[in-house]
Amino acid sequence: KLWPPRRAAEVLEPLMKQTDVLFMTSEDAERLFEISGNAEKAIEAASQRFGAKWTVLTLGGDGAIAGAEGNTQKVPGNSVHEIDRIGAGDAFVGGFLYGYFKDDLDMALRYGLAMSALKMTTPGDLSFATLSQVRALAAGDGQGVKR
């Protein structure tokens, strides 16, 4: 958001092609790289374009989708009473990586979405969610939490 979209894309694309796990919002995929369409088409286009082992697109309130080694998984978002969005993206990445190392693609997305949702229920840019809270929300049905 600090650069014009064209300049950001020019600088970021070569770096993105060197990653093993690539995270991107669906808005940035469209604004910077003209990757659009439904989530399944967007993840396929991003995966092919950047070549990361895992490509992850966050879809706002609609959840997230990931493509990994020919496997695509989409998980719906969690409904929360939003207090502060700051830090939600970082919380998603932290939760996803936890799931990436502990479990499978589905649970990586669920942990990421749970961490992000829980972060949005508190002010400031840090998440104070406990592992048990994250696990409970990740195992749930997407109904979310209210604080």
N, C-alpha and C. Protein backbone atom coordinates (compact mmCIF):
# COMPACT_ATOMS: atom_id res chain seq x y z
N LYS A 1 0.81 -1.20 0.00
CA LYS A 1 0.00 0.00 0.00
C LYS A 1 0.85 1.26 0.00
N LEU A 2 2.15 1.11 0.18
CA LEU A 2 3.03 2.28 0.20
C LEU A 2 3.58 2.61 -1.18
N TRP A 3 3.42 1.70 -2.15
CA TRP A 3 3.92 1.90 -3.50
C TRP A 3 2.76 1.90 -4.48
N PRO A 4 2.97 2.50 -5.64
CA PRO A 4 1.97 2.32 -6.69
C PRO A 4 1.93 0.82 -7.05
N PRO A 5 0.75 0.27 -7.34
CA PRO A 5 0.63 -1.17 -7.60
C PRO A 5 1.62 -1.71 -8.63
N ARG A 6 1.82 -1.01 -9.72
CA ARG A 6 2.72 -1.51 -10.77
C ARG A 6 4.15 -1.66 -10.25
N ARG A 7 4.62 -0.67 -9.48
CA ARG A 7 5.98 -0.72 -8.94
C ARG A 7 6.11 -1.84 -7.91
N ALA A 8 5.11 -1.99 -7.06
CA ALA A 8 5.13 -3.06 -6.07
C ALA A 8 5.21 -4.42 -6.75
N ALA A 9 4.42 -4.61 -7.80
CA ALA A 9 4.43 -5.89 -8.52
C ALA A 9 5.79 -6.16 -9.15
N GLU A 10 6.41 -5.14 -9.74
CA GLU A 10 7.73 -5.30 -10.38
C GLU A 10 8.78 -5.75 -9.38
N VAL A 11 8.74 -5.18 -8.19
CA VAL A 11 9.74 -5.51 -7.17
C VAL A 11 9.43 -6.85 -6.50
N LEU A 12 8.17 -7.11 -6.23
CA LEU A 12 7.80 -8.29 -5.47
C LEU A 12 7.80 -9.59 -6.27
N GLU A 13 7.43 -9.54 -7.54
CA GLU A 13 7.29 -10.80 -8.29
C GLU A 13 8.56 -11.64 -8.32
N PRO A 14 9.74 -11.09 -8.59
CA PRO A 14 10.94 -11.95 -8.56
C PRO A 14 11.19 -12.58 -7.19
N LEU A 15 10.87 -11.86 -6.13
CA LEU A 15 11.03 -12.41 -4.78
C LEU A 15 10.01 -13.51 -4.51
N MET A 16 8.80 -13.31 -4.97
CA MET A 16 7.73 -14.28 -4.76
C MET A 16 8.02 -15.59 -5.46
N LYS A 17 8.74 -15.53 -6.56
CA LYS A 17 9.08 -16.74 -7.31
C LYS A 17 10.16 -17.57 -6.62
N GLN A 18 10.72 -17.05 -5.51
CA GLN A 18 11.75 -17.76 -4.78
C GLN A 18 11.25 -18.34 -3.45
N THR A 19 9.94 -18.27 -3.21
CA THR A 19 9.41 -18.71 -1.92
C THR A 19 8.92 -20.15 -1.96
N ASP A 20 8.92 -20.79 -0.81
CA ASP A 20 8.32 -22.12 -0.66
C ASP A 20 6.85 -21.99 -0.29
N VAL A 21 6.52 -21.02 0.57
CA VAL A 21 5.15 -20.78 0.98
C VAL A 21 4.84 -19.31 0.69
N LEU A 22 3.85 -19.08 -0.14
CA LEU A 22 3.49 -17.72 -0.57
C LEU A 22 2.12 -17.36 -0.03
N PHE A 23 2.03 -16.27 0.70
CA PHE A 23 0.77 -15.76 1.23
C PHE A 23 0.41 -14.47 0.51
N MET A 24 -0.87 -14.36 0.16
CA MET A 24 -1.31 -13.16 -0.54
C MET A 24 -2.82 -13.00 -0.32
N THR A 25 -3.27 -11.77 -0.18
CA THR A 25 -4.71 -11.55 -0.13
C THR A 25 -5.27 -11.63 -1.55
N SER A 26 -6.54 -11.98 -1.65
CA SER A 26 -7.15 -12.01 -2.98
C SER A 26 -7.17 -10.61 -3.58
N GLU A 27 -7.29 -9.57 -2.74
CA GLU A 27 -7.26 -8.19 -3.24
C GLU A 27 -5.90 -7.85 -3.86
N ASP A 28 -4.82 -8.23 -3.18
CA ASP A 28 -3.48 -7.96 -3.73
C ASP A 28 -3.23 -8.77 -4.99
N ALA A 29 -3.73 -10.00 -5.04
CA ALA A 29 -3.56 -10.81 -6.25
C ALA A 29 -4.18 -10.11 -7.45
N GLU A 30 -5.34 -9.53 -7.23
CA GLU A 30 -6.02 -8.83 -8.34
C GLU A 30 -5.38 -7.48 -8.63
N ARG A 31 -5.16 -6.68 -7.59
CA ARG A 31 -4.64 -5.32 -7.79
C ARG A 31 -3.22 -5.30 -8.35
N LEU A 32 -2.35 -6.17 -7.84
CA LEU A 32 -0.95 -6.14 -8.25
C LEU A 32 -0.65 -7.03 -9.45
N PHE A 33 -1.32 -8.18 -9.53
CA PHE A 33 -0.91 -9.18 -10.53
C PHE A 33 -2.02 -9.57 -11.50
N GLU A 34 -3.16 -8.85 -11.39
CA GLU A 34 -4.29 -9.08 -12.29
C GLU A 34 -4.76 -10.54 -12.27
N ILE A 35 -4.68 -11.16 -11.11
CA ILE A 35 -5.18 -12.52 -10.91
C ILE A 35 -6.56 -12.38 -10.29
N SER A 36 -7.58 -12.79 -11.05
CA SER A 36 -8.94 -12.63 -10.56
C SER A 36 -9.76 -13.87 -10.89
N GLY A 37 -11.05 -13.78 -10.67
CA GLY A 37 -11.93 -14.91 -10.90
C GLY A 37 -12.28 -15.54 -9.57
N ASN A 38 -12.96 -16.68 -9.63
CA ASN A 38 -13.33 -17.33 -8.39
C ASN A 38 -12.06 -17.83 -7.69
N ALA A 39 -12.21 -18.20 -6.44
CA ALA A 39 -11.05 -18.58 -5.62
C ALA A 39 -10.25 -19.72 -6.23
N GLU A 40 -10.93 -20.70 -6.78
CA GLU A 40 -10.25 -21.86 -7.35
C GLU A 40 -9.40 -21.47 -8.57
N LYS A 41 -9.95 -20.61 -9.42
CA LYS A 41 -9.19 -20.15 -10.59
C LYS A 41 -8.03 -19.25 -10.17
N ALA A 42 -8.26 -18.41 -9.17
CA ALA A 42 -7.21 -17.50 -8.70
C ALA A 42 -6.05 -18.27 -8.08
N ILE A 43 -6.35 -19.28 -7.27
CA ILE A 43 -5.25 -20.04 -6.64
C ILE A 43 -4.47 -20.81 -7.69
N GLU A 44 -5.15 -21.33 -8.69
CA GLU A 44 -4.46 -22.04 -9.77
C GLU A 44 -3.55 -21.10 -10.55
N ALA A 45 -4.06 -19.91 -10.88
CA ALA A 45 -3.26 -18.93 -11.62
C ALA A 45 -2.05 -18.47 -10.80
N ALA A 46 -2.26 -18.19 -9.51
CA ALA A 46 -1.16 -17.74 -8.65
C ALA A 46 -0.13 -18.85 -8.48
N SER A 47 -0.58 -20.08 -8.29
CA SER A 47 0.34 -21.21 -8.13
C SER A 47 1.21 -21.38 -9.37
N GLN A 48 0.60 -21.30 -10.53
CA GLN A 48 1.36 -21.46 -11.77
C GLN A 48 2.31 -20.29 -12.00
N ARG A 49 1.85 -19.09 -11.71
CA ARG A 49 2.66 -17.91 -11.97
C ARG A 49 3.89 -17.83 -11.07
N PHE A 50 3.72 -18.13 -9.79
CA PHE A 50 4.82 -17.94 -8.84
C PHE A 50 5.58 -19.21 -8.51
N GLY A 51 4.97 -20.36 -8.67
CA GLY A 51 5.67 -21.64 -8.51
C GLY A 51 6.04 -22.01 -7.09
N ALA A 52 5.41 -21.42 -6.09
CA ALA A 52 5.71 -21.78 -4.70
C ALA A 52 5.20 -23.19 -4.42
N LYS A 53 5.83 -23.86 -3.47
CA LYS A 53 5.36 -25.19 -3.07
C LYS A 53 3.93 -25.09 -2.55
N TRP A 54 3.66 -24.09 -1.73
CA TRP A 54 2.32 -23.82 -1.22
C TRP A 54 1.98 -22.37 -1.55
N THR A 55 0.82 -22.14 -2.13
CA THR A 55 0.33 -20.79 -2.39
C THR A 55 -0.97 -20.63 -1.62
N VAL A 56 -1.07 -19.57 -0.85
CA VAL A 56 -2.22 -19.34 0.01
C VAL A 56 -2.82 -17.98 -0.30
N LEU A 57 -4.13 -17.96 -0.59
CA LEU A 57 -4.86 -16.72 -0.78
C LEU A 57 -5.87 -16.57 0.33
N THR A 58 -5.82 -15.44 1.03
CA THR A 58 -6.86 -15.16 2.01
C THR A 58 -7.99 -14.45 1.27
N LEU A 59 -9.22 -14.78 1.67
CA LEU A 59 -10.41 -14.32 0.95
C LEU A 59 -11.31 -13.45 1.81
N GLY A 60 -10.71 -12.73 2.75
CA GLY A 60 -11.52 -11.91 3.65
C GLY A 60 -12.46 -12.77 4.47
N GLY A 61 -13.69 -12.35 4.61
CA GLY A 61 -14.68 -13.09 5.37
C GLY A 61 -15.06 -14.43 4.78
N ASP A 62 -14.66 -14.66 3.52
CA ASP A 62 -14.97 -15.94 2.87
C ASP A 62 -13.97 -17.04 3.21
N GLY A 63 -12.93 -16.74 3.97
CA GLY A 63 -11.99 -17.77 4.38
C GLY A 63 -10.66 -17.68 3.67
N ALA A 64 -10.16 -18.84 3.25
CA ALA A 64 -8.86 -18.91 2.58
C ALA A 64 -8.82 -20.15 1.70
N ILE A 65 -7.93 -20.10 0.72
CA ILE A 65 -7.73 -21.23 -0.18
C ILE A 65 -6.23 -21.41 -0.35
N ALA A 66 -5.81 -22.66 -0.47
CA ALA A 66 -4.39 -22.96 -0.66
C ALA A 66 -4.24 -24.01 -1.74
N GLY A 67 -3.16 -23.89 -2.48
CA GLY A 67 -2.78 -24.90 -3.45
C GLY A 67 -1.41 -25.41 -3.09
N ALA A 68 -1.29 -26.74 -3.00
CA ALA A 68 -0.02 -27.34 -2.60
C ALA A 68 0.15 -28.67 -3.32
N GLU A 69 1.21 -28.75 -4.11
CA GLU A 69 1.59 -30.01 -4.75
C GLU A 69 0.40 -30.67 -5.44
N GLY A 70 -0.36 -29.89 -6.21
CA GLY A 70 -1.50 -30.42 -6.95
C GLY A 70 -2.76 -30.58 -6.14
N ASN A 71 -2.73 -30.25 -4.85
CA ASN A 71 -3.89 -30.35 -3.97
C ASN A 71 -4.40 -28.95 -3.68
N THR A 72 -5.70 -28.73 -3.85
CA THR A 72 -6.30 -27.44 -3.51
C THR A 72 -7.30 -27.66 -2.40
N GLN A 73 -7.26 -26.78 -1.42
CA GLN A 73 -8.16 -26.86 -0.27
C GLN A 73 -8.71 -25.48 0.02
N LYS A 74 -10.01 -25.38 0.23
CA LYS A 74 -10.65 -24.12 0.59
C LYS A 74 -11.39 -24.32 1.90
N VAL A 75 -11.26 -23.34 2.81
CA VAL A 75 -11.91 -23.41 4.11
C VAL A 75 -12.66 -22.09 4.33
N PRO A 76 -13.91 -22.17 4.79
CA PRO A 76 -14.67 -20.94 5.03
C PRO A 76 -14.13 -20.18 6.23
N GLY A 77 -14.43 -18.89 6.26
CA GLY A 77 -14.00 -18.05 7.36
C GLY A 77 -14.86 -18.26 8.60
N ASN A 78 -14.45 -17.63 9.68
CA ASN A 78 -15.17 -17.69 10.95
C ASN A 78 -15.89 -16.37 11.17
N SER A 79 -17.08 -16.43 11.67
CA SER A 79 -17.85 -15.23 11.99
C SER A 79 -17.40 -14.72 13.36
N VAL A 80 -16.99 -13.47 13.41
CA VAL A 80 -16.54 -12.90 14.68
C VAL A 80 -17.08 -11.48 14.84
N HIS A 81 -17.09 -11.06 16.07
CA HIS A 81 -17.41 -9.66 16.38
C HIS A 81 -16.09 -8.90 16.25
N GLU A 82 -15.89 -8.24 15.15
CA GLU A 82 -14.60 -7.59 14.86
C GLU A 82 -14.43 -6.32 15.68
N ILE A 83 -13.27 -6.26 16.35
CA ILE A 83 -12.90 -5.08 17.11
C ILE A 83 -11.75 -4.35 16.41
N ASP A 84 -10.75 -5.11 15.93
CA ASP A 84 -9.57 -4.49 15.31
C ASP A 84 -8.93 -5.47 14.34
N ARG A 85 -8.81 -5.07 13.07
CA ARG A 85 -8.24 -5.93 12.03
C ARG A 85 -6.70 -5.92 12.04
N ILE A 86 -6.11 -4.91 12.64
CA ILE A 86 -4.65 -4.80 12.62
C ILE A 86 -4.04 -6.06 13.22
N GLY A 87 -3.11 -6.68 12.49
CA GLY A 87 -2.43 -7.87 12.96
C GLY A 87 -3.09 -9.17 12.55
N ALA A 88 -4.28 -9.10 11.95
CA ALA A 88 -5.01 -10.32 11.57
C ALA A 88 -4.27 -11.11 10.50
N GLY A 89 -3.63 -10.43 9.56
CA GLY A 89 -2.86 -11.13 8.52
C GLY A 89 -1.67 -11.86 9.10
N ASP A 90 -0.95 -11.20 9.99
CA ASP A 90 0.19 -11.85 10.65
C ASP A 90 -0.27 -13.03 11.49
N ALA A 91 -1.40 -12.87 12.18
CA ALA A 91 -1.94 -13.98 12.97
C ALA A 91 -2.30 -15.15 12.07
N PHE A 92 -2.88 -14.86 10.89
CA PHE A 92 -3.21 -15.93 9.95
C PHE A 92 -1.95 -16.70 9.57
N VAL A 93 -0.89 -15.99 9.22
CA VAL A 93 0.35 -16.65 8.81
C VAL A 93 0.90 -17.51 9.94
N GLY A 94 0.91 -16.99 11.16
CA GLY A 94 1.39 -17.76 12.30
C GLY A 94 0.59 -19.03 12.52
N GLY A 95 -0.73 -18.91 12.45
CA GLY A 95 -1.58 -20.08 12.62
C GLY A 95 -1.42 -21.08 11.49
N PHE A 96 -1.31 -20.58 10.26
CA PHE A 96 -1.12 -21.46 9.11
C PHE A 96 0.18 -22.23 9.25
N LEU A 97 1.25 -21.53 9.59
CA LEU A 97 2.55 -22.21 9.70
C LEU A 97 2.54 -23.24 10.82
N TYR A 98 1.86 -22.95 11.92
CA TYR A 98 1.72 -23.94 12.98
C TYR A 98 1.06 -25.20 12.41
N GLY A 99 -0.04 -25.03 11.70
CA GLY A 99 -0.73 -26.16 11.10
C GLY A 99 0.09 -26.85 10.02
N TYR A 100 0.86 -26.09 9.30
CA TYR A 100 1.72 -26.60 8.24
C TYR A 100 2.73 -27.60 8.81
N PHE A 101 3.29 -27.27 9.96
CA PHE A 101 4.30 -28.14 10.57
C PHE A 101 3.70 -29.25 11.43
N LYS A 102 2.46 -29.08 11.89
CA LYS A 102 1.85 -30.05 12.80
C LYS A 102 0.86 -30.98 12.14
N ASP A 103 0.28 -30.59 11.02
CA ASP A 103 -0.88 -31.33 10.53
C ASP A 103 -0.90 -31.38 9.01
N ASP A 104 -2.03 -31.04 8.41
CA ASP A 104 -2.19 -31.11 6.97
C ASP A 104 -2.68 -29.77 6.43
N LEU A 105 -2.89 -29.70 5.12
CA LEU A 105 -3.28 -28.45 4.47
C LEU A 105 -4.60 -27.92 5.02
N ASP A 106 -5.59 -28.78 5.20
CA ASP A 106 -6.88 -28.36 5.73
C ASP A 106 -6.72 -27.72 7.10
N MET A 107 -6.00 -28.39 7.99
CA MET A 107 -5.83 -27.85 9.34
C MET A 107 -4.93 -26.63 9.35
N ALA A 108 -3.98 -26.54 8.45
CA ALA A 108 -3.15 -25.33 8.37
C ALA A 108 -4.05 -24.13 8.07
N LEU A 109 -4.96 -24.28 7.12
CA LEU A 109 -5.90 -23.19 6.81
C LEU A 109 -6.80 -22.90 8.00
N ARG A 110 -7.29 -23.94 8.65
CA ARG A 110 -8.19 -23.76 9.79
C ARG A 110 -7.49 -23.05 10.96
N TYR A 111 -6.25 -23.43 11.24
CA TYR A 111 -5.49 -22.75 12.30
C TYR A 111 -5.25 -21.29 11.92
N GLY A 112 -4.88 -21.04 10.68
CA GLY A 112 -4.66 -19.67 10.23
C GLY A 112 -5.91 -18.82 10.37
N LEU A 113 -7.03 -19.35 9.92
CA LEU A 113 -8.29 -18.61 10.01
C LEU A 113 -8.72 -18.41 11.45
N ALA A 114 -8.51 -19.41 12.29
CA ALA A 114 -8.87 -19.28 13.70
C ALA A 114 -8.02 -18.21 14.38
N MET A 115 -6.72 -18.23 14.14
CA MET A 115 -5.83 -17.22 14.74
C MET A 115 -6.23 -15.82 14.28
N SER A 116 -6.51 -15.68 12.99
CA SER A 116 -6.89 -14.39 12.44
C SER A 116 -8.20 -13.91 13.06
N ALA A 117 -9.19 -14.79 13.14
CA ALA A 117 -10.48 -14.43 13.72
C ALA A 117 -10.34 -14.03 15.17
N LEU A 118 -9.61 -14.81 15.93
CA LEU A 118 -9.42 -14.49 17.35
C LEU A 118 -8.68 -13.17 17.52
N LYS A 119 -7.71 -12.90 16.67
CA LYS A 119 -6.98 -11.63 16.75
C LYS A 119 -7.93 -10.46 16.54
N MET A 120 -8.88 -10.60 15.62
CA MET A 120 -9.79 -9.49 15.31
C MET A 120 -10.75 -9.18 16.46
N THR A 121 -10.83 -10.05 17.46
CA THR A 121 -11.72 -9.79 18.59
C THR A 121 -11.06 -8.99 19.70
N THR A 122 -9.79 -8.60 19.50
CA THR A 122 -9.07 -7.83 20.51
C THR A 122 -8.43 -6.60 19.88
N PRO A 123 -8.31 -5.52 20.64
CA PRO A 123 -7.65 -4.32 20.10
C PRO A 123 -6.14 -4.50 20.02
N GLY A 124 -5.52 -3.72 19.16
CA GLY A 124 -4.07 -3.75 19.02
C GLY A 124 -3.63 -4.74 17.96
N ASP A 125 -2.33 -4.80 17.75
CA ASP A 125 -1.82 -5.65 16.66
C ASP A 125 -1.26 -6.99 17.12
N LEU A 126 -1.41 -7.35 18.38
CA LEU A 126 -0.93 -8.63 18.88
C LEU A 126 -2.10 -9.54 19.22
N SER A 127 -1.90 -10.82 18.97
CA SER A 127 -2.90 -11.82 19.35
C SER A 127 -2.52 -12.43 20.69
N PHE A 128 -3.49 -12.55 21.56
CA PHE A 128 -3.27 -13.18 22.86
C PHE A 128 -4.06 -14.47 22.98
N ALA A 129 -4.45 -15.03 21.85
CA ALA A 129 -5.21 -16.28 21.84
C ALA A 129 -4.35 -17.42 22.36
N THR A 130 -4.99 -18.31 23.10
CA THR A 130 -4.28 -19.50 23.58
C THR A 130 -4.41 -20.61 22.55
N LEU A 131 -3.53 -21.58 22.63
CA LEU A 131 -3.59 -22.71 21.72
C LEU A 131 -4.93 -23.44 21.84
N SER A 132 -5.45 -23.55 23.05
CA SER A 132 -6.74 -24.24 23.21
C SER A 132 -7.86 -23.46 22.54
N GLN A 133 -7.83 -22.12 22.57
CA GLN A 133 -8.83 -21.31 21.88
C GLN A 133 -8.72 -21.49 20.37
N VAL A 134 -7.50 -21.50 19.87
CA VAL A 134 -7.28 -21.66 18.43
C VAL A 134 -7.76 -23.04 17.99
N ARG A 135 -7.38 -24.07 18.74
CA ARG A 135 -7.81 -25.43 18.39
C ARG A 135 -9.33 -25.57 18.40
N ALA A 136 -9.97 -24.98 19.39
CA ALA A 136 -11.43 -25.08 19.49
C ALA A 136 -12.11 -24.42 18.29
N LEU A 137 -11.64 -23.23 17.92
CA LEU A 137 -12.23 -22.53 16.78
C LEU A 137 -11.90 -23.25 15.48
N ALA A 138 -10.67 -23.74 15.36
CA ALA A 138 -10.26 -24.46 14.14
C ALA A 138 -11.07 -25.74 13.94
N ALA A 139 -11.47 -26.36 15.01
CA ALA A 139 -12.24 -27.59 14.93
C ALA A 139 -13.73 -27.35 14.76
N GLY A 140 -14.13 -26.09 14.91
CA GLY A 140 -15.56 -25.73 14.87
C GLY A 140 -16.12 -25.69 13.47
N ASP A 141 -17.31 -25.16 13.39
CA ASP A 141 -18.05 -25.15 12.14
C ASP A 141 -18.07 -23.78 11.47
N GLY A 142 -17.18 -22.89 11.87
CA GLY A 142 -17.12 -21.57 11.26
C GLY A 142 -18.08 -20.57 11.90
N GLN A 143 -18.76 -20.96 12.98
CA GLN A 143 -19.73 -20.06 13.61
C GLN A 143 -19.05 -18.91 14.33
N GLY A 144 -17.81 -19.11 14.76
CA GLY A 144 -17.04 -18.01 15.30
C GLY A 144 -17.16 -17.82 16.80
N VAL A 145 -16.68 -16.67 17.22
CA VAL A 145 -16.65 -16.34 18.64
C VAL A 145 -17.13 -14.92 18.82
N LYS A 146 -17.67 -14.65 19.94
CA LYS A 146 -18.05 -13.29 20.32
C LYS A 146 -17.37 -13.00 21.64
N ARG A 147 -16.77 -11.84 21.76
CA ARG A 147 -16.14 -11.44 23.02
C ARG A 147 -16.77 -10.18 23.50
